[in-house]
PDB file of N, CA and C in Angstrom:
ATOM      1  N   MET A   1     -38.269 130.942  21.075  1.00  0.00           N
ATOM      2  CA  MET A   1     -38.032 129.677  20.434  1.00  0.00           C
ATOM      3  C   MET A   1     -36.562 129.268  20.552  1.00  0.00           C
ATOM      4  N   PHE A   2     -35.624 130.186  20.190  1.00  0.00           N
ATOM      5  CA  PHE A   2     -34.201 129.857  20.253  1.00  0.00           C
ATOM      6  C   PHE A   2     -33.489 130.644  21.351  1.00  0.00           C
ATOM      7  N   LYS A   3     -34.227 131.236  22.262  1.00  0.00           N
ATOM      8  CA  LYS A   3     -33.688 132.206  23.210  1.00  0.00           C
ATOM      9  C   LYS A   3     -32.431 131.722  23.938  1.00  0.00           C
ATOM     10  N   ASN A   4     -32.422 130.556  24.469  1.00  0.00           N
ATOM     11  CA  ASN A   4     -31.286 130.083  25.265  1.00  0.00           C
ATOM     12  C   ASN A   4     -30.143 129.536  24.405  1.00  0.00           C
ATOM     13  N   MET A   5     -30.403 129.244  23.149  1.00  0.00           N
ATOM     14  CA  MET A   5     -29.382 128.628  22.306  1.00  0.00           C
ATOM     15  C   MET A   5     -28.602 129.643  21.470  1.00  0.00           C
ATOM     16  N   ILE A   6     -29.035 130.897  21.422  1.00  0.00           N
ATOM     17  CA  ILE A   6     -28.384 131.905  20.574  1.00  0.00           C
ATOM     18  C   ILE A   6     -27.160 132.468  21.283  1.00  0.00           C
ATOM     19  N   LYS A   7     -26.061 132.545  20.561  1.00  0.00           N
ATOM     20  CA  LYS A   7     -24.813 133.099  21.090  1.00  0.00           C
ATOM     21  C   LYS A   7     -24.678 134.535  20.619  1.00  0.00           C
ATOM     22  N   PRO A   8     -23.787 135.337  21.240  1.00  0.00           N
ATOM     23  CA  PRO A   8     -23.704 136.767  20.907  1.00  0.00           C
ATOM     24  C   PRO A   8     -23.170 137.088  19.516  1.00  0.00           C
ATOM     25  N   GLU A   9     -22.431 136.192  18.902  1.00  0.00           N
ATOM     26  CA  GLU A   9     -21.889 136.460  17.570  1.00  0.00           C
ATOM     27  C   GLU A   9     -22.389 135.424  16.581  1.00  0.00           C
ATOM     28  N   ILE A  10     -22.625 135.890  15.357  1.00  0.00           N
ATOM     29  CA  ILE A  10     -23.173 134.992  14.341  1.00  0.00           C
ATOM     30  C   ILE A  10     -22.190 133.876  13.988  1.00  0.00           C
ATOM     31  N   THR A  11     -20.889 134.176  14.037  1.00  0.00           N
ATOM     32  CA  THR A  11     -19.917 133.138  13.693  1.00  0.00           C
ATOM     33  C   THR A  11     -19.913 132.019  14.725  1.00  0.00           C
ATOM     34  N   GLN A  12     -20.200 132.338  15.971  1.00  0.00           N
ATOM     35  CA  GLN A  12     -20.303 131.289  16.985  1.00  0.00           C
ATOM     36  C   GLN A  12     -21.523 130.414  16.719  1.00  0.00           C
ATOM     37  N   ASN A  13     -22.608 131.037  16.278  1.00  0.00           N
ATOM     38  CA  ASN A  13     -23.808 130.258  15.952  1.00  0.00           C
ATOM     39  C   ASN A  13     -23.569 129.357  14.747  1.00  0.00           C
ATOM     40  N   ILE A  14     -22.841 129.858  13.754  1.00  0.00           N
ATOM     41  CA  ILE A  14     -22.575 129.060  12.552  1.00  0.00           C
ATOM     42  C   ILE A  14     -21.730 127.842  12.898  1.00  0.00           C
ATOM     43  N   MET A  15     -20.700 128.057  13.714  1.00  0.00           N
ATOM     44  CA  MET A  15     -19.810 126.942  14.046  1.00  0.00           C
ATOM     45  C   MET A  15     -20.483 125.903  14.937  1.00  0.00           C
ATOM     46  N   SER A  16     -21.493 126.294  15.679  1.00  0.00           N
ATOM     47  CA  SER A  16     -22.141 125.328  16.573  1.00  0.00           C
ATOM     48  C   SER A  16     -23.336 124.633  15.929  1.00  0.00           C
ATOM     49  N   THR A  17     -23.611 124.902  14.661  1.00  0.00           N
ATOM     50  CA  THR A  17     -24.728 124.260  13.980  1.00  0.00           C
ATOM     51  C   THR A  17     -24.307 122.855  13.542  1.00  0.00           C
ATOM     52  N   PRO A  18     -24.916 121.829  14.095  1.00  0.00           N
ATOM     53  CA  PRO A  18     -24.489 120.467  13.762  1.00  0.00           C
ATOM     54  C   PRO A  18     -25.061 119.952  12.442  1.00  0.00           C
ATOM     55  N   ASP A  19     -26.061 120.622  11.902  1.00  0.00           N
ATOM     56  CA  ASP A  19     -26.733 120.120  10.708  1.00  0.00           C
ATOM     57  C   ASP A  19     -25.926 120.320   9.429  1.00  0.00           C
ATOM     58  N   HIS A  20     -24.970 121.242   9.431  1.00  0.00           N
ATOM     59  CA  HIS A  20     -24.209 121.547   8.221  1.00  0.00           C
ATOM     60  C   HIS A  20     -22.852 120.862   8.264  1.00  0.00           C
ATOM     61  N   LEU A  21     -22.236 120.783   7.111  1.00  0.00           N
ATOM     62  CA  LEU A  21     -20.891 120.220   7.038  1.00  0.00           C
ATOM     63  C   LEU A  21     -19.896 121.132   7.737  1.00  0.00           C
ATOM     64  N   LYS A  22     -18.918 120.544   8.396  1.00  0.00           N
ATOM     65  CA  LYS A  22     -17.911 121.335   9.102  1.00  0.00           C
ATOM     66  C   LYS A  22     -17.112 122.196   8.128  1.00  0.00           C
ATOM     67  N   LEU A  23     -16.805 121.657   6.951  1.00  0.00           N
ATOM     68  CA  LEU A  23     -16.059 122.410   5.938  1.00  0.00           C
ATOM     69  C   LEU A  23     -16.860 123.634   5.480  1.00  0.00           C
ATOM     70  N   LEU A  24     -18.155 123.472   5.287  1.00  0.00           N
ATOM     71  CA  LEU A  24     -19.019 124.587   4.894  1.00  0.00           C
ATOM     72  C   LEU A  24     -19.070 125.648   5.992  1.00  0.00           C
ATOM     73  N   ASN A  25     -19.153 125.220   7.233  1.00  0.00           N
ATOM     74  CA  ASN A  25     -19.160 126.166   8.346  1.00  0.00           C
ATOM     75  C   ASN A  25     -17.868 126.970   8.393  1.00  0.00           C
ATOM     76  N   GLN A  26     -16.737 126.322   8.212  1.00  0.00           N
ATOM     77  CA  GLN A  26     -15.449 127.030   8.222  1.00  0.00           C
ATOM     78  C   GLN A  26     -15.351 128.000   7.050  1.00  0.00           C
ATOM     79  N   PHE A  27     -15.856 127.604   5.893  1.00  0.00           N
ATOM     80  CA  PHE A  27     -15.840 128.481   4.723  1.00  0.00           C
ATOM     81  C   PHE A  27     -16.656 129.751   4.990  1.00  0.00           C
ATOM     82  N   ILE A  28     -17.819 129.608   5.583  1.00  0.00           N
ATOM     83  CA  ILE A  28     -18.675 130.759   5.881  1.00  0.00           C
ATOM     84  C   ILE A  28     -17.998 131.688   6.885  1.00  0.00           C
ATOM     85  N   VAL A  29     -17.385 131.129   7.908  1.00  0.00           N
ATOM     86  CA  VAL A  29     -16.701 131.948   8.915  1.00  0.00           C
ATOM     87  C   VAL A  29     -15.544 132.710   8.285  1.00  0.00           C
ATOM     88  N   ARG A  30     -14.815 132.066   7.387  1.00  0.00           N
ATOM     89  CA  ARG A  30     -13.702 132.759   6.711  1.00  0.00           C
ATOM     90  C   ARG A  30     -14.203 133.866   5.806  1.00  0.00           C
ATOM     91  N   LEU A  31     -15.322 133.663   5.137  1.00  0.00           N
ATOM     92  CA  LEU A  31     -15.895 134.737   4.318  1.00  0.00           C
ATOM     93  C   LEU A  31     -16.310 135.927   5.172  1.00  0.00           C
ATOM     94  N   VAL A  32     -16.869 135.652   6.343  1.00  0.00           N
ATOM     95  CA  VAL A  32     -17.258 136.728   7.255  1.00  0.00           C
ATOM     96  C   VAL A  32     -16.011 137.490   7.718  1.00  0.00           C
ATOM     97  N   ALA A  33     -14.906 136.783   7.923  1.00  0.00           N
ATOM     98  CA  ALA A  33     -13.671 137.435   8.369  1.00  0.00           C
ATOM     99  C   ALA A  33     -13.032 138.258   7.265  1.00  0.00           C
ATOM    100  N   ILE A  34     -13.136 137.835   6.020  1.00  0.00           N
ATOM    101  CA  ILE A  34     -12.514 138.540   4.891  1.00  0.00           C
ATOM    102  C   ILE A  34     -13.304 139.786   4.497  1.00  0.00           C
ATOM    103  N   ASN A  35     -14.578 139.817   4.744  1.00  0.00           N
ATOM    104  CA  ASN A  35     -15.459 140.889   4.295  1.00  0.00           C
ATOM    105  C   ASN A  35     -14.971 142.302   4.658  1.00  0.00           C
ATOM    106  N   PRO A  36     -14.536 142.582   5.894  1.00  0.00           N
ATOM    107  CA  PRO A  36     -14.069 143.952   6.188  1.00  0.00           C
ATOM    108  C   PRO A  36     -12.865 144.382   5.358  1.00  0.00           C
ATOM    109  N   PHE A  37     -11.975 143.453   5.043  1.00  0.00           N
ATOM    110  CA  PHE A  37     -10.795 143.802   4.243  1.00  0.00           C
ATOM    111  C   PHE A  37     -11.181 144.207   2.830  1.00  0.00           C
ATOM    112  N   THR A  38     -12.189 143.574   2.271  1.00  0.00           N
ATOM    113  CA  THR A  38     -12.628 143.948   0.926  1.00  0.00           C
ATOM    114  C   THR A  38     -13.269 145.326   0.927  1.00  0.00           C
ATOM    115  N   LYS A  39     -13.919 145.682   2.004  1.00  0.00           N
ATOM    116  CA  LYS A  39     -14.519 147.012   2.096  1.00  0.00           C
ATOM    117  C   LYS A  39     -13.450 148.093   2.169  1.00  0.00           C
ATOM    118  N   ILE A  40     -12.343 147.811   2.838  1.00  0.00           N
ATOM    119  CA  ILE A  40     -11.254 148.782   2.933  1.00  0.00           C
ATOM    120  C   ILE A  40     -10.695 149.061   1.539  1.00  0.00           C
ATOM    121  N   VAL A  41     -10.508 148.018   0.763  1.00  0.00           N
ATOM    122  CA  VAL A  41      -9.982 148.189  -0.595  1.00  0.00           C
ATOM    123  C   VAL A  41     -10.925 149.034  -1.439  1.00  0.00           C
ATOM    124  N   LEU A  42     -12.213 148.792  -1.328  1.00  0.00           N
ATOM    125  CA  LEU A  42     -13.181 149.572  -2.104  1.00  0.00           C
ATOM    126  C   LEU A  42     -13.212 151.033  -1.673  1.00  0.00           C
ATOM    127  N   GLU A  43     -13.029 151.282  -0.384  1.00  0.00           N
ATOM    128  CA  GLU A  43     -13.038 152.664   0.098  1.00  0.00           C
ATOM    129  C   GLU A  43     -11.773 153.413  -0.294  1.00  0.00           C
ATOM    130  N   LEU A  44     -10.667 152.706  -0.473  1.00  0.00           N
ATOM    131  CA  LEU A  44      -9.414 153.361  -0.832  1.00  0.00           C
ATOM    132  C   LEU A  44      -9.246 153.549  -2.337  1.00  0.00           C
ATOM    133  N   HIS A  45     -10.153 153.042  -3.127  1.00  0.00           N
ATOM    134  CA  HIS A  45     -10.042 153.167  -4.582  1.00  0.00           C
ATOM    135  C   HIS A  45      -9.974 154.627  -5.045  1.00  0.00           C
ATOM    136  N   PRO A  46     -10.811 155.533  -4.547  1.00  0.00           N
ATOM    137  CA  PRO A  46     -10.686 156.938  -4.994  1.00  0.00           C
ATOM    138  C   PRO A  46      -9.345 157.559  -4.603  1.00  0.00           C
ATOM    139  N   VAL A  47      -8.813 157.187  -3.448  1.00  0.00           N
ATOM    140  CA  VAL A  47      -7.510 157.714  -3.026  1.00  0.00           C
ATOM    141  C   VAL A  47      -6.432 157.210  -3.971  1.00  0.00           C
ATOM    142  N   ASN A  48      -6.488 155.944  -4.306  1.00  0.00           N
ATOM    143  CA  ASN A  48      -5.525 155.361  -5.232  1.00  0.00           C
ATOM    144  C   ASN A  48      -5.609 156.034  -6.604  1.00  0.00           C
ATOM    145  N   PHE A  49      -6.812 156.276  -7.067  1.00  0.00           N
ATOM    146  CA  PHE A  49      -7.017 156.926  -8.359  1.00  0.00           C
ATOM    147  C   PHE A  49      -6.405 158.325  -8.366  1.00  0.00           C
ATOM    148  N   TYR A  50      -6.626 159.076  -7.310  1.00  0.00           N
ATOM    149  CA  TYR A  50      -6.067 160.421  -7.196  1.00  0.00           C
ATOM    150  C   TYR A  50      -4.534 160.381  -7.203  1.00  0.00           C
ATOM    151  N   LEU A  51      -3.957 159.463  -6.433  1.00  0.00           N
ATOM    152  CA  LEU A  51      -2.498 159.369  -6.384  1.00  0.00           C
ATOM    153  C   LEU A  51      -1.907 158.961  -7.732  1.00  0.00           C
ATOM    154  N   GLU A  52      -2.578 158.065  -8.426  1.00  0.00           N
ATOM    155  CA  GLU A  52      -2.095 157.669  -9.754  1.00  0.00           C
ATOM    156  C   GLU A  52      -2.079 158.859 -10.712  1.00  0.00           C
ATOM    157  N   ILE A  53      -3.117 159.660 -10.679  1.00  0.00           N
ATOM    158  CA  ILE A  53      -3.180 160.830 -11.554  1.00  0.00           C
ATOM    159  C   ILE A  53      -2.078 161.826 -11.196  1.00  0.00           C
ATOM    160  N   GLN A  54      -1.873 162.065  -9.917  1.00  0.00           N
ATOM    161  CA  GLN A  54      -0.849 163.019  -9.487  1.00  0.00           C
ATOM    162  C   GLN A  54       0.547 162.555  -9.881  1.00  0.00           C
ATOM    163  N   TYR A  55       0.859 161.301  -9.614  1.00  0.00           N
ATOM    164  CA  TYR A  55       2.185 160.794  -9.952  1.00  0.00           C
ATOM    165  C   TYR A  55       2.385 160.693 -11.462  1.00  0.00           C
ATOM    166  N   GLN A  56       1.340 160.353 -12.176  1.00  0.00           N
ATOM    167  CA  GLN A  56       1.456 160.255 -13.628  1.00  0.00           C
ATOM    168  C   GLN A  56       1.734 161.632 -14.228  1.00  0.00           C
ATOM    169  N   SER A  57       1.042 162.647 -13.753  1.00  0.00           N
ATOM    170  CA  SER A  57       1.260 163.987 -14.304  1.00  0.00           C
ATOM    171  C   SER A  57       2.664 164.487 -13.956  1.00  0.00           C
ATOM    172  N   LYS A  58       3.158 164.213 -12.754  1.00  0.00           N
ATOM    173  CA  LYS A  58       4.516 164.620 -12.385  1.00  0.00           C
ATOM    174  C   LYS A  58       5.547 163.843 -13.192  1.00  0.00           C
ATOM    175  N   PHE A  59       5.277 162.562 -13.422  1.00  0.00           N
ATOM    176  CA  PHE A  59       6.194 161.751 -14.219  1.00  0.00           C
ATOM    177  C   PHE A  59       6.233 162.253 -15.654  1.00  0.00           C
ATOM    178  N   MET A  60       5.084 162.601 -16.198  1.00  0.00           N
ATOM    179  CA  MET A  60       5.041 163.111 -17.574  1.00  0.00           C
ATOM    180  C   MET A  60       5.770 164.443 -17.675  1.00  0.00           C
ATOM    181  N   GLN A  61       5.639 165.298 -16.687  1.00  0.00           N
ATOM    182  CA  GLN A  61       6.364 166.566 -16.689  1.00  0.00           C
ATOM    183  C   GLN A  61       7.868 166.316 -16.622  1.00  0.00           C
ATOM    184  N   PHE A  62       8.272 165.360 -15.815  1.00  0.00           N
ATOM    185  CA  PHE A  62       9.684 165.018 -15.709  1.00  0.00           C
ATOM    186  C   PHE A  62      10.208 164.473 -17.023  1.00  0.00           C
ATOM    187  N   MET A  63       9.446 163.628 -17.673  1.00  0.00           N
ATOM    188  CA  MET A  63       9.879 163.040 -18.947  1.00  0.00           C
ATOM    189  C   MET A  63       9.957 164.121 -20.036  1.00  0.00           C
ATOM    190  N   ASP A  64       9.014 165.041 -20.037  1.00  0.00           N
ATOM    191  CA  ASP A  64       9.040 166.121 -21.029  1.00  0.00           C
ATOM    192  C   ASP A  64      10.259 167.019 -20.828  1.00  0.00           C
ATOM    193  N   SER A  65      10.602 167.304 -19.589  1.00  0.00           N
ATOM    194  CA  SER A  65      11.744 168.182 -19.323  1.00  0.00           C
ATOM    195  C   SER A  65      13.075 167.473 -19.602  1.00  0.00           C
ATOM    196  N   SER A  66      13.115 166.169 -19.423  1.00  0.00           N
ATOM    197  CA  SER A  66      14.364 165.436 -19.649  1.00  0.00           C
ATOM    198  C   SER A  66      14.647 165.210 -21.142  1.00  0.00           C
ATOM    199  N   THR A  67      13.622 165.211 -21.964  1.00  0.00           N
ATOM    200  CA  THR A  67      13.823 164.989 -23.401  1.00  0.00           C
ATOM    201  C   THR A  67      14.252 166.265 -24.124  1.00  0.00           C
ATOM    202  N   GLN A  68      14.062 167.388 -23.520  1.00  0.00           N
ATOM    203  CA  GLN A  68      14.407 168.654 -24.175  1.00  0.00           C
ATOM    204  C   GLN A  68      15.820 169.050 -23.935  1.00  0.00           C
TER     205      GLN A  68
END
């Protein structure tokens, strides 16, 4: 049905759709582009949590030793 009209990437298909508003098409393409960056942040959350705990415990040890 759509064999000859389909392009290799979904973003190319979205931008070539004449039925939708151009602004809506650009918004969708930008959301597709931002998606991998949000996944990186979610994957690094446990690493960030671990580093916060390590630095907090070292900072607390430093503060305890400096007050004595």
